């Protein structure tokens, strides 16, 4: 690539509507111009411990993610190099042996609840967006996602929320909002804010 890609971060609590915001950006700007990277893909591999132990892990703490690898990958992409994106299995809590080859594009879109809580990661971002949504709405969305997409049952999702998700949100995610350049209240339903964000991105990539 002749010029450095624009690195865009989208953070917010679990179930805040980040996916809706991300999809709106990708669909409007065009898939051919956006490389989408999820912090979730960088969960550490837990194949060395039993399934029972894997279920007890705190997946909402920054240490559960291999952020240092994501930082190296973003740095490589910014310099024009191709990377091997990790693939994570959320049911087995293991990282797949296969990877996805990814080359830099005009926009690199990074999504994750903890991406602004990591100083070295957020320093790589040109625009930082925080999706801000009420706790009760986020919990309902998380319940639906984990039960329908990740094969979890109601009790396990609620226990995890009470033990890990909510405390980690208060300790790490909510305080990281201060580092955002743009805060979108009400998530993906906020079409006015989304239009402003997309206009800003278009202006940056055409400059």
C-alpha atoms as a PDB file:
ATOM      1  CA  UNK A   1       0.000   0.000   0.000  1.00  0.00           C
ATOM      2  CA  UNK A   2       1.217   3.496  -0.851  1.00  0.00           C
ATOM      3  CA  UNK A   3      -0.119   5.157   2.327  1.00  0.00           C
ATOM      4  CA  UNK A   4      -0.582   3.915   5.859  1.00  0.00           C
ATOM      5  CA  UNK A   5      -3.984   2.435   6.653  1.00  0.00           C
ATOM      6  CA  UNK A   6      -6.413   4.289   8.911  1.00  0.00           C
ATOM      7  CA  UNK A   7      -6.741   2.300  12.157  1.00  0.00           C
ATOM      8  CA  UNK A   8     -10.174   2.618  13.716  1.00  0.00           C
ATOM      9  CA  UNK A   9     -11.086   1.182  17.144  1.00  0.00           C
ATOM     10  CA  UNK A  10     -14.653   0.371  18.224  1.00  0.00           C
ATOM     11  CA  UNK A  11     -15.011  -0.455  21.935  1.00  0.00           C
ATOM     12  CA  UNK A  12     -17.872  -0.678  24.441  1.00  0.00           C
ATOM     13  CA  UNK A  13     -19.317  -3.140  26.907  1.00  0.00           C
ATOM     14  CA  UNK A  14     -20.427  -6.634  25.963  1.00  0.00           C
ATOM     15  CA  UNK A  15     -23.762  -6.336  24.135  1.00  0.00           C
ATOM     16  CA  UNK A  16     -23.439  -2.576  23.637  1.00  0.00           C
ATOM     17  CA  UNK A  17     -24.127  -2.738  19.901  1.00  0.00           C
ATOM     18  CA  UNK A  18     -20.534  -2.650  18.643  1.00  0.00           C
ATOM     19  CA  UNK A  19     -21.370  -5.210  15.935  1.00  0.00           C
ATOM     20  CA  UNK A  20     -24.149  -2.989  14.539  1.00  0.00           C
ATOM     21  CA  UNK A  21     -21.776  -0.010  14.436  1.00  0.00           C
ATOM     22  CA  UNK A  22     -19.019  -2.099  12.825  1.00  0.00           C
ATOM     23  CA  UNK A  23     -21.391  -3.559  10.215  1.00  0.00           C
ATOM     24  CA  UNK A  24     -22.725  -0.093   9.355  1.00  0.00           C
ATOM     25  CA  UNK A  25     -19.183   1.168   8.759  1.00  0.00           C
ATOM     26  CA  UNK A  26     -18.183  -1.871   6.672  1.00  0.00           C
ATOM     27  CA  UNK A  27     -21.398  -1.885   4.608  1.00  0.00           C
ATOM     28  CA  UNK A  28     -21.225   1.849   3.909  1.00  0.00           C
ATOM     29  CA  UNK A  29     -17.474   2.184   3.238  1.00  0.00           C
ATOM     30  CA  UNK A  30     -17.284  -1.170   1.420  1.00  0.00           C
ATOM     31  CA  UNK A  31     -15.789  -4.533   2.410  1.00  0.00           C
ATOM     32  CA  UNK A  32     -13.012  -4.172  -0.153  1.00  0.00           C
ATOM     33  CA  UNK A  33     -11.649  -1.165   1.781  1.00  0.00           C
ATOM     34  CA  UNK A  34     -11.940  -2.525   5.344  1.00  0.00           C
ATOM     35  CA  UNK A  35      -9.943  -5.191   7.199  1.00  0.00           C
ATOM     36  CA  UNK A  36     -11.966  -6.246  10.259  1.00  0.00           C
ATOM     37  CA  UNK A  37     -10.055  -7.518  13.311  1.00  0.00           C
ATOM     38  CA  UNK A  38     -11.692  -8.743  16.529  1.00  0.00           C
ATOM     39  CA  UNK A  39      -9.828  -8.648  19.833  1.00  0.00           C
ATOM     40  CA  UNK A  40     -11.819 -11.810  20.720  1.00  0.00           C
ATOM     41  CA  UNK A  41      -9.831 -13.747  18.093  1.00  0.00           C
ATOM     42  CA  UNK A  42      -6.754 -13.251  20.279  1.00  0.00           C
ATOM     43  CA  UNK A  43      -8.013 -15.140  23.348  1.00  0.00           C
ATOM     44  CA  UNK A  44      -5.212 -17.262  24.745  1.00  0.00           C
ATOM     45  CA  UNK A  45      -5.319 -20.953  23.870  1.00  0.00           C
ATOM     46  CA  UNK A  46      -6.460 -23.068  26.856  1.00  0.00           C
ATOM     47  CA  UNK A  47      -6.069 -26.520  25.317  1.00  0.00           C
ATOM     48  CA  UNK A  48      -3.509 -27.372  28.051  1.00  0.00           C
ATOM     49  CA  UNK A  49      -6.180 -27.367  30.810  1.00  0.00           C
ATOM     50  CA  UNK A  50      -9.379 -29.391  31.290  1.00  0.00           C
ATOM     51  CA  UNK A  51     -12.750 -28.222  29.968  1.00  0.00           C
ATOM     52  CA  UNK A  52     -13.948 -27.802  33.563  1.00  0.00           C
ATOM     53  CA  UNK A  53     -11.036 -25.437  34.264  1.00  0.00           C
ATOM     54  CA  UNK A  54     -11.616 -23.573  30.992  1.00  0.00           C
ATOM     55  CA  UNK A  55     -15.208 -22.827  32.006  1.00  0.00           C
ATOM     56  CA  UNK A  56     -13.989 -21.225  35.255  1.00  0.00           C
ATOM     57  CA  UNK A  57     -11.660 -18.732  33.568  1.00  0.00           C
ATOM     58  CA  UNK A  58     -12.285 -14.986  33.619  1.00  0.00           C
ATOM     59  CA  UNK A  59     -12.591 -14.140  29.917  1.00  0.00           C
ATOM     60  CA  UNK A  60     -13.368 -10.486  30.643  1.00  0.00           C
ATOM     61  CA  UNK A  61      -9.968  -9.671  32.201  1.00  0.00           C
ATOM     62  CA  UNK A  62      -7.292  -8.150  29.916  1.00  0.00           C
ATOM     63  CA  UNK A  63      -4.868 -10.988  30.761  1.00  0.00           C
ATOM     64  CA  UNK A  64      -7.153 -13.521  29.007  1.00  0.00           C
ATOM     65  CA  UNK A  65      -6.199 -12.002  25.642  1.00  0.00           C
ATOM     66  CA  UNK A  66      -2.883 -12.136  23.794  1.00  0.00           C
ATOM     67  CA  UNK A  67      -2.966  -8.408  23.138  1.00  0.00           C
ATOM     68  CA  UNK A  68       0.780  -8.297  22.514  1.00  0.00           C
ATOM     69  CA  UNK A  69       0.225 -10.418  19.380  1.00  0.00           C
ATOM     70  CA  UNK A  70      -2.525  -8.082  18.136  1.00  0.00           C
ATOM     71  CA  UNK A  71      -0.187  -5.105  18.650  1.00  0.00           C
ATOM     72  CA  UNK A  72       2.527  -6.833  16.580  1.00  0.00           C
ATOM     73  CA  UNK A  73      -0.040  -7.646  13.882  1.00  0.00           C
ATOM     74  CA  UNK A  74      -1.332  -4.064  13.690  1.00  0.00           C
ATOM     75  CA  UNK A  75       2.213  -2.744  13.543  1.00  0.00           C
ATOM     76  CA  UNK A  76       3.007  -5.155  10.678  1.00  0.00           C
ATOM     77  CA  UNK A  77      -0.164  -4.179   8.777  1.00  0.00           C
ATOM     78  CA  UNK A  78       0.644  -0.505   9.188  1.00  0.00           C
ATOM     79  CA  UNK A  79       4.012  -1.174   7.563  1.00  0.00           C
ATOM     80  CA  UNK A  80       2.321  -2.964   4.647  1.00  0.00           C
ATOM     81  CA  UNK A  81       2.931  -6.595   5.648  1.00  0.00           C
ATOM     82  CA  UNK A  82       0.453  -9.498   5.540  1.00  0.00           C
ATOM     83  CA  UNK A  83      -0.436 -11.240   8.828  1.00  0.00           C
ATOM     84  CA  UNK A  84      -1.944 -14.559   9.987  1.00  0.00           C
ATOM     85  CA  UNK A  85      -5.119 -13.780  11.965  1.00  0.00           C
ATOM     86  CA  UNK A  86      -5.822 -16.293  14.745  1.00  0.00           C
ATOM     87  CA  UNK A  87      -9.115 -18.237  14.793  1.00  0.00           C
ATOM     88  CA  UNK A  88     -10.728 -18.913  18.186  1.00  0.00           C
ATOM     89  CA  UNK A  89     -13.278 -21.594  19.133  1.00  0.00           C
ATOM     90  CA  UNK A  90     -15.632 -20.097  21.754  1.00  0.00           C
ATOM     91  CA  UNK A  91     -17.253 -23.429  22.577  1.00  0.00           C
ATOM     92  CA  UNK A  92     -14.022 -25.353  23.256  1.00  0.00           C
ATOM     93  CA  UNK A  93     -12.079 -22.252  24.476  1.00  0.00           C
ATOM     94  CA  UNK A  94      -9.134 -23.135  22.241  1.00  0.00           C
ATOM     95  CA  UNK A  95      -7.338 -21.451  19.386  1.00  0.00           C
ATOM     96  CA  UNK A  96      -7.564 -23.236  16.057  1.00  0.00           C
ATOM     97  CA  UNK A  97      -4.404 -24.433  14.319  1.00  0.00           C
ATOM     98  CA  UNK A  98      -5.609 -22.737  11.158  1.00  0.00           C
ATOM     99  CA  UNK A  99      -5.227 -18.977  10.633  1.00  0.00           C
ATOM    100  CA  UNK A 100      -6.642 -16.463   8.175  1.00  0.00           C
ATOM    101  CA  UNK A 101      -4.236 -14.596   5.896  1.00  0.00           C
ATOM    102  CA  UNK A 102      -4.941 -10.865   6.022  1.00  0.00           C
ATOM    103  CA  UNK A 103      -3.357  -8.038   4.035  1.00  0.00           C
ATOM    104  CA  UNK A 104      -3.629  -4.337   4.932  1.00  0.00           C
ATOM    105  CA  UNK A 105      -6.512  -2.308   3.497  1.00  0.00           C
ATOM    106  CA  UNK A 106      -7.351   1.411   3.560  1.00  0.00           C
ATOM    107  CA  UNK A 107      -9.126   0.966   6.900  1.00  0.00           C
ATOM    108  CA  UNK A 108      -8.272  -1.476   9.676  1.00  0.00           C
ATOM    109  CA  UNK A 109     -11.288  -1.797  11.961  1.00  0.00           C
ATOM    110  CA  UNK A 110     -10.509  -3.175  15.434  1.00  0.00           C
ATOM    111  CA  UNK A 111     -13.377  -4.321  17.667  1.00  0.00           C
ATOM    112  CA  UNK A 112     -13.321  -5.380  21.326  1.00  0.00           C
ATOM    113  CA  UNK A 113     -14.530  -4.551  24.825  1.00  0.00           C
ATOM    114  CA  UNK A 114     -11.006  -4.010  26.198  1.00  0.00           C
ATOM    115  CA  UNK A 115      -9.127  -2.399  23.301  1.00  0.00           C
ATOM    116  CA  UNK A 116      -9.001   1.070  24.958  1.00  0.00           C
ATOM    117  CA  UNK A 117      -7.903  -0.413  28.299  1.00  0.00           C
ATOM    118  CA  UNK A 118      -4.574  -1.385  26.691  1.00  0.00           C
ATOM    119  CA  UNK A 119      -2.289   1.693  26.317  1.00  0.00           C
ATOM    120  CA  UNK A 120      -0.016   0.304  23.574  1.00  0.00           C
ATOM    121  CA  UNK A 121      -3.010  -0.927  21.577  1.00  0.00           C
ATOM    122  CA  UNK A 122      -5.017   2.296  21.725  1.00  0.00           C
ATOM    123  CA  UNK A 123      -1.918   4.334  20.805  1.00  0.00           C
ATOM    124  CA  UNK A 124      -1.961   2.615  17.382  1.00  0.00           C
ATOM    125  CA  UNK A 125      -5.485   3.862  16.653  1.00  0.00           C
ATOM    126  CA  UNK A 126      -6.254   6.978  14.625  1.00  0.00           C
ATOM    127  CA  UNK A 127      -9.931   7.157  15.649  1.00  0.00           C
ATOM    128  CA  UNK A 128     -11.357   5.627  18.847  1.00  0.00           C
ATOM    129  CA  UNK A 129     -15.134   5.093  19.102  1.00  0.00           C
ATOM    130  CA  UNK A 130     -16.903   3.939  22.277  1.00  0.00           C
ATOM    131  CA  UNK A 131     -20.424   2.494  21.974  1.00  0.00           C
ATOM    132  CA  UNK A 132     -22.311   3.352  25.164  1.00  0.00           C
ATOM    133  CA  UNK A 133     -25.487   1.406  26.044  1.00  0.00           C
ATOM    134  CA  UNK A 134     -27.483   0.833  29.251  1.00  0.00           C
ATOM    135  CA  UNK A 135     -26.495  -2.180  31.372  1.00  0.00           C
ATOM    136  CA  UNK A 136     -29.888  -3.921  31.196  1.00  0.00           C
ATOM    137  CA  UNK A 137     -29.947  -3.737  27.379  1.00  0.00           C
ATOM    138  CA  UNK A 138     -26.396  -5.101  27.205  1.00  0.00           C
ATOM    139  CA  UNK A 139     -27.244  -8.027  29.515  1.00  0.00           C
ATOM    140  CA  UNK A 140     -30.270  -9.043  27.419  1.00  0.00           C
ATOM    141  CA  UNK A 141     -28.204  -8.955  24.230  1.00  0.00           C
ATOM    142  CA  UNK A 142     -25.433 -11.010  25.837  1.00  0.00           C
ATOM    143  CA  UNK A 143     -27.955 -13.621  27.007  1.00  0.00           C
ATOM    144  CA  UNK A 144     -29.360 -13.995  23.488  1.00  0.00           C
ATOM    145  CA  UNK A 145     -25.911 -14.210  21.854  1.00  0.00           C
ATOM    146  CA  UNK A 146     -24.339 -16.693  24.287  1.00  0.00           C
ATOM    147  CA  UNK A 147     -27.349 -19.021  24.329  1.00  0.00           C
ATOM    148  CA  UNK A 148     -28.129 -18.929  20.585  1.00  0.00           C
ATOM    149  CA  UNK A 149     -24.627 -18.603  19.092  1.00  0.00           C
ATOM    150  CA  UNK A 150     -22.302 -20.148  21.659  1.00  0.00           C
ATOM    151  CA  UNK A 151     -24.393 -23.049  22.986  1.00  0.00           C
ATOM    152  CA  UNK A 152     -24.515 -21.823  26.588  1.00  0.00           C
ATOM    153  CA  UNK A 153     -27.387 -22.231  29.063  1.00  0.00           C
ATOM    154  CA  UNK A 154     -29.137 -19.434  30.978  1.00  0.00           C
ATOM    155  CA  UNK A 155     -27.614 -20.204  34.403  1.00  0.00           C
ATOM    156  CA  UNK A 156     -24.047 -20.316  33.125  1.00  0.00           C
ATOM    157  CA  UNK A 157     -24.426 -17.006  31.263  1.00  0.00           C
ATOM    158  CA  UNK A 158     -25.956 -15.252  34.304  1.00  0.00           C
ATOM    159  CA  UNK A 159     -23.320 -16.686  36.664  1.00  0.00           C
ATOM    160  CA  UNK A 160     -20.543 -15.536  34.369  1.00  0.00           C
ATOM    161  CA  UNK A 161     -22.135 -12.075  34.115  1.00  0.00           C
ATOM    162  CA  UNK A 162     -22.358 -11.723  37.890  1.00  0.00           C
ATOM    163  CA  UNK A 163     -18.894 -13.117  38.651  1.00  0.00           C
ATOM    164  CA  UNK A 164     -16.830 -11.686  35.804  1.00  0.00           C
ATOM    165  CA  UNK A 165     -18.591  -9.600  33.135  1.00  0.00           C
ATOM    166  CA  UNK A 166     -20.081  -6.870  35.339  1.00  0.00           C
ATOM    167  CA  UNK A 167     -17.074  -6.443  37.715  1.00  0.00           C
ATOM    168  CA  UNK A 168     -14.624  -6.368  34.792  1.00  0.00           C
ATOM    169  CA  UNK A 169     -16.831  -3.888  32.933  1.00  0.00           C
ATOM    170  CA  UNK A 170     -16.718  -1.549  35.939  1.00  0.00           C
ATOM    171  CA  UNK A 171     -12.972  -2.025  36.467  1.00  0.00           C
ATOM    172  CA  UNK A 172     -11.674  -1.909  32.899  1.00  0.00           C
ATOM    173  CA  UNK A 173     -14.271  -1.180  30.187  1.00  0.00           C
ATOM    174  CA  UNK A 174     -16.198   1.769  31.631  1.00  0.00           C
ATOM    175  CA  UNK A 175     -13.047   3.698  32.707  1.00  0.00           C
ATOM    176  CA  UNK A 176     -11.541   3.216  29.207  1.00  0.00           C
ATOM    177  CA  UNK A 177     -14.354   5.371  27.774  1.00  0.00           C
ATOM    178  CA  UNK A 178     -12.300   8.454  28.696  1.00  0.00           C
ATOM    179  CA  UNK A 179      -9.817   7.599  25.913  1.00  0.00           C
ATOM    180  CA  UNK A 180     -12.475   7.619  23.177  1.00  0.00           C
ATOM    181  CA  UNK A 181     -12.524  10.361  20.558  1.00  0.00           C
ATOM    182  CA  UNK A 182     -16.222   9.736  19.881  1.00  0.00           C
ATOM    183  CA  UNK A 183     -18.894   8.246  22.176  1.00  0.00           C
ATOM    184  CA  UNK A 184     -22.030   6.827  20.538  1.00  0.00           C
ATOM    185  CA  UNK A 185     -24.958   6.653  23.010  1.00  0.00           C
ATOM    186  CA  UNK A 186     -27.648   3.986  22.366  1.00  0.00           C
ATOM    187  CA  UNK A 187     -25.327   1.980  20.105  1.00  0.00           C
ATOM    188  CA  UNK A 188     -26.286   1.101  16.564  1.00  0.00           C
ATOM    189  CA  UNK A 189     -29.739   2.690  16.907  1.00  0.00           C
ATOM    190  CA  UNK A 190     -28.086   6.124  16.888  1.00  0.00           C
ATOM    191  CA  UNK A 191     -28.199   6.755  13.134  1.00  0.00           C
ATOM    192  CA  UNK A 192     -27.225  10.433  13.452  1.00  0.00           C
ATOM    193  CA  UNK A 193     -23.976   9.555  15.274  1.00  0.00           C
ATOM    194  CA  UNK A 194     -23.271   6.744  12.791  1.00  0.00           C
ATOM    195  CA  UNK A 195     -23.690   9.097   9.830  1.00  0.00           C
ATOM    196  CA  UNK A 196     -21.250  11.550  11.440  1.00  0.00           C
ATOM    197  CA  UNK A 197     -18.691   8.783  12.073  1.00  0.00           C
ATOM    198  CA  UNK A 198     -18.947   7.501   8.487  1.00  0.00           C
ATOM    199  CA  UNK A 199     -18.576  11.039   7.102  1.00  0.00           C
ATOM    200  CA  UNK A 200     -15.436  11.486   9.252  1.00  0.00           C
ATOM    201  CA  UNK A 201     -13.945   8.188   7.994  1.00  0.00           C
ATOM    202  CA  UNK A 202     -14.683   9.085   4.363  1.00  0.00           C
ATOM    203  CA  UNK A 203     -13.043  12.452   4.853  1.00  0.00           C
ATOM    204  CA  UNK A 204      -9.920  10.841   6.358  1.00  0.00           C
ATOM    205  CA  UNK A 205      -9.458   8.239   3.618  1.00  0.00           C
ATOM    206  CA  UNK A 206     -10.038  10.681   0.776  1.00  0.00           C
ATOM    207  CA  UNK A 207      -7.666  13.327   2.225  1.00  0.00           C
END
